[in-house]
């Protein structure tokens, strides 16, 4: 956790893998069940949970959602765990300002996905109420992906 005068940023990474019958999506569950996440909300301070959650919460978050049905990133239990966070009071910054747009944060290297803007939104900024009320813009700087390495 990084703390500054203006906000706290909690970085989180969750590994998504192919879903196997009976396998629990424990990484995302662990974040939702953590008392610390609820305690952060109770502090009523500006907090942002930012990171690669490896979850596509809605069909808008995948170029072809039907292709991801059996992947841990799109499984019902994974989406449910993410919605548990938003149900606690965390605001999905991108969806708050762009509720019906297809905006992606990850592009596979195959089939020219970046140039076609055809991939996934798996990275999220979840805002505590103390920050959500101040949200003015949200987006993805896609052009950076095209920079030469």
C-alpha atoms as a PDB file:
ATOM      1  CA  UNK A   1       0.000   0.000   0.000  1.00  0.00           C
ATOM      2  CA  UNK A   2       1.290   3.450  -0.903  1.00  0.00           C
ATOM      3  CA  UNK A   3       0.097   6.340   1.222  1.00  0.00           C
ATOM      4  CA  UNK A   4       0.329  10.023   0.398  1.00  0.00           C
ATOM      5  CA  UNK A   5      -1.374  13.156   1.692  1.00  0.00           C
ATOM      6  CA  UNK A   6      -3.937  12.993  -1.108  1.00  0.00           C
ATOM      7  CA  UNK A   7      -4.844   9.331  -1.379  1.00  0.00           C
ATOM      8  CA  UNK A   8      -3.952   5.757  -0.599  1.00  0.00           C
ATOM      9  CA  UNK A   9      -3.362   3.435  -3.501  1.00  0.00           C
ATOM     10  CA  UNK A  10      -3.670  -0.268  -2.930  1.00  0.00           C
ATOM     11  CA  UNK A  11      -2.199  -2.205  -5.829  1.00  0.00           C
ATOM     12  CA  UNK A  12      -3.571  -5.647  -6.424  1.00  0.00           C
ATOM     13  CA  UNK A  13      -2.816  -8.324  -8.939  1.00  0.00           C
ATOM     14  CA  UNK A  14      -4.884 -11.412  -9.501  1.00  0.00           C
ATOM     15  CA  UNK A  15      -3.794 -14.282 -11.669  1.00  0.00           C
ATOM     16  CA  UNK A  16      -6.444 -15.445 -14.108  1.00  0.00           C
ATOM     17  CA  UNK A  17      -6.160 -18.928 -15.517  1.00  0.00           C
ATOM     18  CA  UNK A  18      -8.334 -21.337 -17.408  1.00  0.00           C
ATOM     19  CA  UNK A  19     -11.198 -22.349 -15.174  1.00  0.00           C
ATOM     20  CA  UNK A  20     -11.385 -25.987 -14.204  1.00  0.00           C
ATOM     21  CA  UNK A  21     -14.545 -27.552 -12.843  1.00  0.00           C
ATOM     22  CA  UNK A  22     -14.557 -27.307  -9.061  1.00  0.00           C
ATOM     23  CA  UNK A  23     -11.663 -24.829  -8.925  1.00  0.00           C
ATOM     24  CA  UNK A  24     -12.219 -21.850  -6.678  1.00  0.00           C
ATOM     25  CA  UNK A  25     -11.159 -18.441  -7.956  1.00  0.00           C
ATOM     26  CA  UNK A  26      -9.402 -17.855  -4.671  1.00  0.00           C
ATOM     27  CA  UNK A  27      -7.307 -14.793  -5.515  1.00  0.00           C
ATOM     28  CA  UNK A  28     -10.288 -12.506  -6.140  1.00  0.00           C
ATOM     29  CA  UNK A  29     -12.227 -14.117  -3.303  1.00  0.00           C
ATOM     30  CA  UNK A  30      -9.334 -13.338  -0.973  1.00  0.00           C
ATOM     31  CA  UNK A  31      -9.512  -9.648  -1.824  1.00  0.00           C
ATOM     32  CA  UNK A  32     -13.299  -9.511  -1.348  1.00  0.00           C
ATOM     33  CA  UNK A  33     -13.146 -11.332   1.983  1.00  0.00           C
ATOM     34  CA  UNK A  34     -10.284  -9.283   3.340  1.00  0.00           C
ATOM     35  CA  UNK A  35     -11.340  -7.230   6.320  1.00  0.00           C
ATOM     36  CA  UNK A  36      -8.842  -4.600   5.261  1.00  0.00           C
ATOM     37  CA  UNK A  37     -10.878  -3.737   2.153  1.00  0.00           C
ATOM     38  CA  UNK A  38     -14.020  -3.109   4.195  1.00  0.00           C
ATOM     39  CA  UNK A  39     -11.982  -1.276   6.822  1.00  0.00           C
ATOM     40  CA  UNK A  40     -10.620   1.078   4.159  1.00  0.00           C
ATOM     41  CA  UNK A  41     -14.169   2.046   3.213  1.00  0.00           C
ATOM     42  CA  UNK A  42     -15.064   2.600   6.859  1.00  0.00           C
ATOM     43  CA  UNK A  43     -12.214   5.110   7.224  1.00  0.00           C
ATOM     44  CA  UNK A  44     -14.026   7.492   4.855  1.00  0.00           C
ATOM     45  CA  UNK A  45     -10.727   8.623   3.318  1.00  0.00           C
ATOM     46  CA  UNK A  46      -9.786   8.890  -0.365  1.00  0.00           C
ATOM     47  CA  UNK A  47      -8.717   5.372  -1.393  1.00  0.00           C
ATOM     48  CA  UNK A  48      -8.217   3.845  -4.824  1.00  0.00           C
ATOM     49  CA  UNK A  49      -7.908   0.090  -5.350  1.00  0.00           C
ATOM     50  CA  UNK A  50      -5.963  -0.007  -8.598  1.00  0.00           C
ATOM     51  CA  UNK A  51      -4.567  -2.941 -10.459  1.00  0.00           C
ATOM     52  CA  UNK A  52      -4.731  -5.888 -12.767  1.00  0.00           C
ATOM     53  CA  UNK A  53      -7.718  -7.740 -11.360  1.00  0.00           C
ATOM     54  CA  UNK A  54      -7.838 -10.179 -14.291  1.00  0.00           C
ATOM     55  CA  UNK A  55     -11.621 -10.078 -14.349  1.00  0.00           C
ATOM     56  CA  UNK A  56     -14.034  -8.970 -17.057  1.00  0.00           C
ATOM     57  CA  UNK A  57     -17.091  -7.940 -15.010  1.00  0.00           C
ATOM     58  CA  UNK A  58     -19.457  -7.482 -17.981  1.00  0.00           C
ATOM     59  CA  UNK A  59     -19.862  -8.549 -21.583  1.00  0.00           C
ATOM     60  CA  UNK A  60     -18.698  -5.068 -22.594  1.00  0.00           C
ATOM     61  CA  UNK A  61     -15.290  -5.894 -21.154  1.00  0.00           C
ATOM     62  CA  UNK A  62     -14.399  -8.444 -23.837  1.00  0.00           C
ATOM     63  CA  UNK A  63     -14.334  -8.054 -27.596  1.00  0.00           C
ATOM     64  CA  UNK A  64     -15.914 -11.472 -28.054  1.00  0.00           C
ATOM     65  CA  UNK A  65     -17.284 -12.521 -24.641  1.00  0.00           C
ATOM     66  CA  UNK A  66     -18.449 -15.905 -25.934  1.00  0.00           C
ATOM     67  CA  UNK A  67     -14.810 -16.898 -26.471  1.00  0.00           C
ATOM     68  CA  UNK A  68     -14.049 -16.363 -22.791  1.00  0.00           C
ATOM     69  CA  UNK A  69     -16.939 -18.302 -21.234  1.00  0.00           C
ATOM     70  CA  UNK A  70     -14.695 -21.036 -19.810  1.00  0.00           C
ATOM     71  CA  UNK A  71     -11.822 -18.785 -18.762  1.00  0.00           C
ATOM     72  CA  UNK A  72     -11.358 -17.792 -15.119  1.00  0.00           C
ATOM     73  CA  UNK A  73     -11.394 -14.129 -16.200  1.00  0.00           C
ATOM     74  CA  UNK A  74     -15.054 -14.352 -17.209  1.00  0.00           C
ATOM     75  CA  UNK A  75     -16.454 -17.111 -15.009  1.00  0.00           C
ATOM     76  CA  UNK A  76     -19.614 -16.252 -13.061  1.00  0.00           C
ATOM     77  CA  UNK A  77     -17.866 -16.736  -9.714  1.00  0.00           C
ATOM     78  CA  UNK A  78     -15.068 -14.362 -10.765  1.00  0.00           C
ATOM     79  CA  UNK A  79     -17.534 -11.692 -11.887  1.00  0.00           C
ATOM     80  CA  UNK A  80     -19.532 -12.209  -8.700  1.00  0.00           C
ATOM     81  CA  UNK A  81     -16.428 -11.626  -6.575  1.00  0.00           C
ATOM     82  CA  UNK A  82     -15.742  -8.367  -8.430  1.00  0.00           C
ATOM     83  CA  UNK A  83     -19.362  -7.285  -7.982  1.00  0.00           C
ATOM     84  CA  UNK A  84     -18.978  -8.024  -4.271  1.00  0.00           C
ATOM     85  CA  UNK A  85     -16.405  -5.240  -4.168  1.00  0.00           C
ATOM     86  CA  UNK A  86     -18.601  -2.774  -6.031  1.00  0.00           C
ATOM     87  CA  UNK A  87     -21.502  -3.862  -3.823  1.00  0.00           C
ATOM     88  CA  UNK A  88     -19.485  -2.851  -0.762  1.00  0.00           C
ATOM     89  CA  UNK A  89     -19.391   0.705  -2.084  1.00  0.00           C
ATOM     90  CA  UNK A  90     -16.339   0.747  -4.358  1.00  0.00           C
ATOM     91  CA  UNK A  91     -16.995   2.571  -7.659  1.00  0.00           C
ATOM     92  CA  UNK A  92     -15.650   1.213 -10.953  1.00  0.00           C
ATOM     93  CA  UNK A  93     -14.205   4.481 -12.323  1.00  0.00           C
ATOM     94  CA  UNK A  94     -14.341   3.566 -15.992  1.00  0.00           C
ATOM     95  CA  UNK A  95     -17.898   2.191 -15.884  1.00  0.00           C
ATOM     96  CA  UNK A  96     -19.123   5.158 -13.859  1.00  0.00           C
ATOM     97  CA  UNK A  97     -18.262   7.542 -16.697  1.00  0.00           C
ATOM     98  CA  UNK A  98     -18.521   5.146 -19.646  1.00  0.00           C
ATOM     99  CA  UNK A  99     -21.334   2.724 -18.732  1.00  0.00           C
ATOM    100  CA  UNK A 100     -21.991   1.419 -22.257  1.00  0.00           C
ATOM    101  CA  UNK A 101     -18.640   1.778 -24.032  1.00  0.00           C
ATOM    102  CA  UNK A 102     -16.241  -0.973 -24.978  1.00  0.00           C
ATOM    103  CA  UNK A 103     -12.943   0.187 -23.525  1.00  0.00           C
ATOM    104  CA  UNK A 104     -10.060  -2.250 -23.214  1.00  0.00           C
ATOM    105  CA  UNK A 105      -6.919  -2.336 -21.081  1.00  0.00           C
ATOM    106  CA  UNK A 106      -5.235  -5.468 -22.464  1.00  0.00           C
ATOM    107  CA  UNK A 107      -4.490  -6.513 -26.039  1.00  0.00           C
ATOM    108  CA  UNK A 108      -3.138  -9.898 -27.052  1.00  0.00           C
ATOM    109  CA  UNK A 109      -0.157  -9.820 -29.391  1.00  0.00           C
ATOM    110  CA  UNK A 110      -1.892 -12.129 -31.870  1.00  0.00           C
ATOM    111  CA  UNK A 111      -4.151 -11.201 -34.775  1.00  0.00           C
ATOM    112  CA  UNK A 112      -3.367  -7.508 -34.571  1.00  0.00           C
ATOM    113  CA  UNK A 113      -5.761  -7.100 -31.618  1.00  0.00           C
ATOM    114  CA  UNK A 114      -4.452  -3.693 -30.544  1.00  0.00           C
ATOM    115  CA  UNK A 115      -4.862  -2.100 -33.969  1.00  0.00           C
ATOM    116  CA  UNK A 116      -8.385  -3.531 -34.190  1.00  0.00           C
ATOM    117  CA  UNK A 117      -9.127  -2.494 -30.576  1.00  0.00           C
ATOM    118  CA  UNK A 118     -10.322  -6.017 -29.939  1.00  0.00           C
ATOM    119  CA  UNK A 119      -9.499  -7.510 -26.581  1.00  0.00           C
ATOM    120  CA  UNK A 120     -10.212  -7.177 -22.819  1.00  0.00           C
ATOM    121  CA  UNK A 121     -10.712  -4.839 -19.881  1.00  0.00           C
ATOM    122  CA  UNK A 122      -9.097  -6.593 -16.928  1.00  0.00           C
ATOM    123  CA  UNK A 123      -7.446  -3.663 -15.151  1.00  0.00           C
ATOM    124  CA  UNK A 124      -9.589  -1.585 -12.842  1.00  0.00           C
ATOM    125  CA  UNK A 125      -9.636   1.488 -10.628  1.00  0.00           C
ATOM    126  CA  UNK A 126     -12.102   1.048  -7.793  1.00  0.00           C
ATOM    127  CA  UNK A 127     -12.793   4.256  -5.913  1.00  0.00           C
ATOM    128  CA  UNK A 128     -13.907   4.748  -2.328  1.00  0.00           C
ATOM    129  CA  UNK A 129     -16.859   7.158  -1.954  1.00  0.00           C
ATOM    130  CA  UNK A 130     -14.492   9.914  -0.772  1.00  0.00           C
ATOM    131  CA  UNK A 131     -12.812   9.776  -4.205  1.00  0.00           C
ATOM    132  CA  UNK A 132     -15.736   8.760  -6.420  1.00  0.00           C
ATOM    133  CA  UNK A 133     -17.502  12.074  -5.880  1.00  0.00           C
ATOM    134  CA  UNK A 134     -14.485  13.872  -7.337  1.00  0.00           C
ATOM    135  CA  UNK A 135     -14.128  11.687 -10.431  1.00  0.00           C
ATOM    136  CA  UNK A 136     -14.019  13.871 -13.543  1.00  0.00           C
ATOM    137  CA  UNK A 137     -12.518  11.656 -16.229  1.00  0.00           C
ATOM    138  CA  UNK A 138     -11.477   8.070 -16.788  1.00  0.00           C
ATOM    139  CA  UNK A 139      -9.959   6.360 -19.778  1.00  0.00           C
ATOM    140  CA  UNK A 140      -7.141   4.271 -21.171  1.00  0.00           C
ATOM    141  CA  UNK A 141      -4.101   5.735 -22.907  1.00  0.00           C
ATOM    142  CA  UNK A 142      -4.178   3.082 -25.647  1.00  0.00           C
ATOM    143  CA  UNK A 143      -1.657   4.870 -27.863  1.00  0.00           C
ATOM    144  CA  UNK A 144       1.122   3.975 -25.404  1.00  0.00           C
ATOM    145  CA  UNK A 145       0.712   0.321 -26.351  1.00  0.00           C
ATOM    146  CA  UNK A 146       1.803   1.176 -29.883  1.00  0.00           C
ATOM    147  CA  UNK A 147       5.044   2.848 -28.849  1.00  0.00           C
ATOM    148  CA  UNK A 148       8.213   1.218 -30.063  1.00  0.00           C
ATOM    149  CA  UNK A 149      10.082  -0.615 -27.311  1.00  0.00           C
END
